[in-house]
C-alpha atoms as a PDB file:
ATOM      1  CA  MET A   1      -0.141   0.189  -0.144  1.00  0.00           C
ATOM      2  CA  TRP A   2       2.844   2.317   0.703  1.00  0.00           C
ATOM      3  CA  LEU A   3       4.479   1.685  -2.414  1.00  0.00           C
ATOM      4  CA  THR A   4       1.142   2.823  -4.238  1.00  0.00           C
ATOM      5  CA  ASN A   5       0.715   6.173  -2.308  1.00  0.00           C
ATOM      6  CA  ILE A   6       4.441   6.676  -3.059  1.00  0.00           C
ATOM      7  CA  SER A   7       3.759   6.386  -6.732  1.00  0.00           C
ATOM      8  CA  VAL A   8       0.685   8.713  -6.382  1.00  0.00           C
ATOM      9  CA  GLN A   9       2.775  11.520  -4.691  1.00  0.00           C
ATOM     10  CA  VAL A  10       5.669  11.049  -7.119  1.00  0.00           C
ATOM     11  CA  CYS A  11       3.026  11.438 -10.057  1.00  0.00           C
ATOM     12  CA  LEU A  12       1.368  14.232  -8.226  1.00  0.00           C
ATOM     13  CA  VAL A  13       4.128  16.127  -7.485  1.00  0.00           C
ATOM     14  CA  LEU A  14       5.489  15.981 -11.121  1.00  0.00           C
ATOM     15  CA  ILE A  15       2.423  17.391 -12.669  1.00  0.00           C
ATOM     16  CA  TRP A  16       2.806  20.289 -10.375  1.00  0.00           C
ATOM     17  CA  LEU A  17       6.370  20.747 -11.125  1.00  0.00           C
ATOM     18  CA  THR A  18       6.053  20.252 -15.033  1.00  0.00           C
ATOM     19  CA  GLY A  19       2.734  23.084 -14.994  1.00  0.00           C
ATOM     20  CA  SER A  20       0.534  20.038 -16.606  1.00  0.00           C
ATOM     21  CA  ASP A  21      -3.109  19.934 -16.596  1.00  0.00           C
ATOM     22  CA  TYR A  22      -5.918  17.406 -15.197  1.00  0.00           C
ATOM     23  CA  ASN A  23      -6.253  15.570 -18.561  1.00  0.00           C
ATOM     24  CA  THR A  24      -2.352  14.819 -18.268  1.00  0.00           C
ATOM     25  CA  LEU A  25      -3.190  13.486 -14.808  1.00  0.00           C
ATOM     26  CA  LEU A  26      -6.276  11.729 -16.159  1.00  0.00           C
ATOM     27  CA  THR A  27      -4.222  10.004 -18.906  1.00  0.00           C
ATOM     28  CA  ILE A  28      -1.525   8.890 -16.369  1.00  0.00           C
ATOM     29  CA  ALA A  29      -4.435   7.501 -14.089  1.00  0.00           C
ATOM     30  CA  SER A  30      -5.847   5.764 -16.872  1.00  0.00           C
ATOM     31  CA  GLU A  31      -2.514   4.447 -18.162  1.00  0.00           C
ATOM     32  CA  MET A  32      -1.599   3.286 -14.465  1.00  0.00           C
ATOM     33  CA  ILE A  33      -4.804   0.829 -14.050  1.00  0.00           C
ATOM     34  CA  LEU A  34      -4.588  -0.750 -16.618  1.00  0.00           C
ATOM     35  CA  VAL A  35      -0.938  -2.491 -15.945  1.00  0.00           C
ATOM     36  CA  PRO A  36      -2.456  -4.628 -13.135  1.00  0.00           C
ATOM     37  CA  TYR A  37      -5.171  -5.817 -15.113  1.00  0.00           C
ATOM     38  CA  PHE A  38      -3.157  -6.740 -18.011  1.00  0.00           C
ATOM     39  CA  LEU A  39      -0.629  -8.407 -15.309  1.00  0.00           C
ATOM     40  CA  VAL A  40      -3.797 -10.731 -13.578  1.00  0.00           C
ATOM     41  CA  GLY A  41      -4.732 -11.444 -17.812  1.00  0.00           C
ATOM     42  CA  ALA A  42      -1.590 -12.603 -18.249  1.00  0.00           C
ATOM     43  CA  TYR A  43      -1.258 -14.704 -15.190  1.00  0.00           C
ATOM     44  CA  LEU A  44      -4.459 -16.168 -15.530  1.00  0.00           C
ATOM     45  CA  LEU A  45      -3.642 -17.602 -19.382  1.00  0.00           C
ATOM     46  CA  LYS A  46      -0.627 -19.021 -17.403  1.00  0.00           C
ATOM     47  CA  LEU A  47      -2.145 -20.832 -15.256  1.00  0.00           C
ATOM     48  CA  ARG A  48      -5.025 -22.050 -17.618  1.00  0.00           C
ATOM     49  CA  PRO A  49      -4.852 -26.090 -17.964  1.00  0.00           C
ATOM     50  CA  ALA A  50      -3.419 -27.496 -21.457  1.00  0.00           C
ATOM     51  CA  ARG A  51      -6.009 -28.753 -23.555  1.00  0.00           C
ATOM     52  CA  HIS A  52      -4.922 -32.332 -24.686  1.00  0.00           C
ATOM     53  CA  THR A  53      -6.779 -34.217 -27.583  1.00  0.00           C
ATOM     54  CA  MET A  54      -7.194 -37.626 -26.589  1.00  0.00           C
ATOM     55  CA  ARG A  55      -7.928 -39.989 -29.570  1.00  0.00           C
END
């Protein structure tokens, strides 16, 4: 949890220092939320049972 808080604070400080607007913050937030979904999907593909065809 502390790693998430630190990363959010770093992003907020970087946006404040660069003078970016809310849309930039929204873009960064939407990109950051997609990474965990991708990792979970990749892990589930790894765990799926292999389908063997029996004759």
